[in-house]
C-alpha atoms as a PDB file:
ATOM      1  CA  MET A   1     -17.003 -26.304  14.912  1.00  0.00           C
ATOM      2  CA  GLN A   2     -19.291 -23.288  14.820  1.00  0.00           C
ATOM      3  CA  GLU A   3     -20.614 -22.042  11.507  1.00  0.00           C
ATOM      4  CA  ILE A   4     -22.284 -18.812  10.461  1.00  0.00           C
ATOM      5  CA  ASP A   5     -24.026 -17.661   7.316  1.00  0.00           C
ATOM      6  CA  CYS A   6     -22.077 -15.366   5.008  1.00  0.00           C
ATOM      7  CA  PRO A   7     -23.984 -12.056   4.759  1.00  0.00           C
ATOM      8  CA  GLN A   8     -23.248 -11.845   1.019  1.00  0.00           C
ATOM      9  CA  CYS A   9     -23.896 -15.316  -0.370  1.00  0.00           C
ATOM     10  CA  SER A  10     -25.495 -17.174   2.618  1.00  0.00           C
ATOM     11  CA  LEU A  11     -22.901 -19.956   2.485  1.00  0.00           C
ATOM     12  CA  LYS A  12     -22.255 -21.767   5.775  1.00  0.00           C
ATOM     13  CA  ILE A  13     -18.678 -20.916   6.772  1.00  0.00           C
ATOM     14  CA  ASP A  14     -16.480 -21.441   9.826  1.00  0.00           C
ATOM     15  CA  ILE A  15     -16.800 -18.663  12.388  1.00  0.00           C
ATOM     16  CA  ASN A  16     -12.998 -18.144  12.449  1.00  0.00           C
ATOM     17  CA  LEU A  17     -12.645 -17.346   8.739  1.00  0.00           C
ATOM     18  CA  VAL A  18     -11.794 -13.757   7.808  1.00  0.00           C
ATOM     19  CA  THR A  19     -13.267 -13.923   4.289  1.00  0.00           C
ATOM     20  CA  CYS A  20     -15.846 -16.122   2.656  1.00  0.00           C
ATOM     21  CA  PRO A  21     -14.179 -18.718   0.402  1.00  0.00           C
ATOM     22  CA  GLN A  22     -16.910 -18.366  -2.227  1.00  0.00           C
ATOM     23  CA  CYS A  23     -17.603 -14.614  -2.532  1.00  0.00           C
ATOM     24  CA  HIS A  24     -14.519 -13.259  -0.650  1.00  0.00           C
ATOM     25  CA  ALA A  25     -16.681 -10.966   1.498  1.00  0.00           C
ATOM     26  CA  ALA A  26     -15.065  -9.836   4.754  1.00  0.00           C
ATOM     27  CA  GLN A  27     -16.411 -11.398   7.925  1.00  0.00           C
ATOM     28  CA  GLY A  28     -16.404 -10.264  11.542  1.00  0.00           C
ATOM     29  CA  LEU A  29     -14.682  -7.024  12.513  1.00  0.00           C
ATOM     30  CA  GLU A  30     -13.230  -6.497   9.031  1.00  0.00           C
ATOM     31  CA  ALA A  31     -16.755  -6.359   7.618  1.00  0.00           C
ATOM     32  CA  LEU A  32     -17.913  -3.931  10.291  1.00  0.00           C
ATOM     33  CA  SER A  33     -14.990  -1.552   9.893  1.00  0.00           C
ATOM     34  CA  GLY A  34     -15.595  -0.936   6.202  1.00  0.00           C
ATOM     35  CA  VAL A  35     -11.864  -1.133   5.477  1.00  0.00           C
ATOM     36  CA  ASP A  36     -10.571  -3.458   2.806  1.00  0.00           C
ATOM     37  CA  PRO A  37      -7.667  -5.400   4.387  1.00  0.00           C
ATOM     38  CA  ASP A  38      -5.939  -5.736   1.007  1.00  0.00           C
ATOM     39  CA  ILE A  39      -5.468  -1.980   0.473  1.00  0.00           C
ATOM     40  CA  ARG A  40      -2.119  -0.678   1.648  1.00  0.00           C
ATOM     41  CA  ILE A  41      -2.495   2.863   2.995  1.00  0.00           C
ATOM     42  CA  LYS A  42       0.517   5.154   2.505  1.00  0.00           C
ATOM     43  CA  ASN A  43       1.275   8.307   4.469  1.00  0.00           C
ATOM     44  CA  GLN A  44       2.049  11.348   2.321  1.00  0.00           C
ATOM     45  CA  LYS A  45       4.075  13.168   4.993  1.00  0.00           C
ATOM     46  CA  LEU A  46       6.167  10.085   5.654  1.00  0.00           C
ATOM     47  CA  ALA A  47       6.853   9.716   1.927  1.00  0.00           C
ATOM     48  CA  VAL A  48       8.016  13.358   1.801  1.00  0.00           C
ATOM     49  CA  TRP A  49      10.332  12.850   4.774  1.00  0.00           C
ATOM     50  CA  PHE A  50      11.741   9.666   3.265  1.00  0.00           C
ATOM     51  CA  SER A  51      12.466  11.445  -0.020  1.00  0.00           C
ATOM     52  CA  VAL A  52      14.131  14.425   1.722  1.00  0.00           C
ATOM     53  CA  LEU A  53      16.265  12.399   4.127  1.00  0.00           C
ATOM     54  CA  PHE A  54      16.899   9.181   2.206  1.00  0.00           C
ATOM     55  CA  GLY A  55      16.091  10.190  -1.384  1.00  0.00           C
ATOM     56  CA  GLY A  56      19.595   9.307  -2.521  1.00  0.00           C
ATOM     57  CA  LEU A  57      19.013   5.693  -1.549  1.00  0.00           C
ATOM     58  CA  GLY A  58      15.503   5.504  -2.995  1.00  0.00           C
ATOM     59  CA  LEU A  59      13.813   4.619   0.286  1.00  0.00           C
ATOM     60  CA  HIS A  60      10.759   6.701  -0.628  1.00  0.00           C
ATOM     61  CA  LYS A  61      10.310   4.695  -3.846  1.00  0.00           C
ATOM     62  CA  PHE A  62      10.467   1.416  -1.936  1.00  0.00           C
ATOM     63  CA  TYR A  63       7.926   2.786   0.572  1.00  0.00           C
ATOM     64  CA  LEU A  64       5.550   3.777  -2.236  1.00  0.00           C
ATOM     65  CA  GLY A  65       5.785   0.320  -3.815  1.00  0.00           C
ATOM     66  CA  GLN A  66       7.935   1.288  -6.798  1.00  0.00           C
ATOM     67  CA  HIS A  67      10.656  -1.280  -6.245  1.00  0.00           C
ATOM     68  CA  LEU A  68      12.282  -1.025  -9.682  1.00  0.00           C
ATOM     69  CA  LYS A  69      12.716   2.752  -9.392  1.00  0.00           C
ATOM     70  CA  GLY A  70      13.968   2.333  -5.825  1.00  0.00           C
ATOM     71  CA  SER A  71      16.554  -0.165  -7.038  1.00  0.00           C
ATOM     72  CA  LEU A  72      17.745   2.268  -9.711  1.00  0.00           C
ATOM     73  CA  TYR A  73      18.110   5.015  -7.097  1.00  0.00           C
ATOM     74  CA  LEU A  74      20.118   2.603  -4.951  1.00  0.00           C
ATOM     75  CA  VAL A  75      22.381   1.459  -7.794  1.00  0.00           C
ATOM     76  CA  PHE A  76      23.198   5.025  -8.858  1.00  0.00           C
ATOM     77  CA  SER A  77      23.388   6.461  -5.336  1.00  0.00           C
ATOM     78  CA  TRP A  78      27.157   6.909  -5.636  1.00  0.00           C
ATOM     79  CA  THR A  79      26.605   9.621  -8.304  1.00  0.00           C
ATOM     80  CA  LEU A  80      24.521  11.826  -5.943  1.00  0.00           C
ATOM     81  CA  VAL A  81      22.048  12.377  -8.795  1.00  0.00           C
ATOM     82  CA  PRO A  82      19.335  10.327  -7.004  1.00  0.00           C
ATOM     83  CA  MET A  83      19.670  12.638  -3.995  1.00  0.00           C
ATOM     84  CA  VAL A  84      18.762  15.678  -6.103  1.00  0.00           C
ATOM     85  CA  VAL A  85      15.976  13.760  -7.836  1.00  0.00           C
ATOM     86  CA  GLY A  86      14.765  12.640  -4.390  1.00  0.00           C
ATOM     87  CA  TRP A  87      14.449  16.281  -3.331  1.00  0.00           C
ATOM     88  CA  VAL A  88      12.500  17.015  -6.512  1.00  0.00           C
ATOM     89  CA  ASP A  89      10.263  14.026  -5.698  1.00  0.00           C
ATOM     90  CA  ALA A  90       9.759  15.468  -2.202  1.00  0.00           C
ATOM     91  CA  VAL A  91       8.559  18.787  -3.607  1.00  0.00           C
ATOM     92  CA  ARG A  92       6.273  17.080  -6.123  1.00  0.00           C
ATOM     93  CA  THR A  93       4.806  14.822  -3.427  1.00  0.00           C
ATOM     94  CA  LEU A  94       4.346  17.767  -1.078  1.00  0.00           C
ATOM     95  CA  LYS A  95       2.466  19.771  -3.725  1.00  0.00           C
ATOM     96  CA  MET A  96       0.234  16.792  -4.588  1.00  0.00           C
ATOM     97  CA  SER A  97      -3.260  16.860  -3.097  1.00  0.00           C
ATOM     98  CA  PRO A  98      -4.036  14.115  -0.553  1.00  0.00           C
ATOM     99  CA  PHE A  99      -6.739  12.718  -2.837  1.00  0.00           C
ATOM    100  CA  ASN A 100      -4.327  12.412  -5.793  1.00  0.00           C
ATOM    101  CA  PHE A 101      -1.705  10.851  -3.516  1.00  0.00           C
ATOM    102  CA  GLN A 102      -4.172   8.218  -2.295  1.00  0.00           C
ATOM    103  CA  GLN A 103      -5.355   7.490  -5.832  1.00  0.00           C
ATOM    104  CA  ARG A 104      -1.814   7.085  -7.099  1.00  0.00           C
ATOM    105  CA  TYR A 105      -0.081   5.151  -4.325  1.00  0.00           C
ATOM    106  CA  CYS A 106      -2.715   3.353  -2.217  1.00  0.00           C
ATOM    107  CA  ARG A 107      -3.560   0.365  -4.326  1.00  0.00           C
ATOM    108  CA  LYS A 108      -5.162  -2.936  -3.688  1.00  0.00           C
ATOM    109  CA  VAL A 109      -2.640  -5.711  -3.254  1.00  0.00           C
ATOM    110  CA  ASN A 110      -3.296  -8.810  -5.313  1.00  0.00           C
ATOM    111  CA  HIS A 111      -2.483 -12.026  -3.493  1.00  0.00           C
ATOM    112  CA  TYR A 112      -1.482 -14.859  -5.725  1.00  0.00           C
ATOM    113  CA  TYR A 113      -1.519 -18.220  -4.023  1.00  0.00           C
ATOM    114  CA  VAL A 114      -0.154 -21.345  -5.567  1.00  0.00           C
END
């Protein structure tokens, strides 16, 4: 078993580990890329298309990680009100700046392990 030193805390860790078990610093290619693997990147144009085409079913809310709102859109989809609200969401998302979109919808995912 090959071991390397963690660049953050200098702990000896297995070469195949992605993160250090002590300081949770990324190892290997993840550390070199500068991208946090726990952040889920969302595409603003895709969210707009989802809300225009499938706004009545709440697909855009599920895509953006708002599962409760997406479920409400799905439950009330027979009234056609979510379709109109989906179009309003499309316009609001389209007018939003890319920076505000990233700040609002691209969040770090917390992993809870038992």
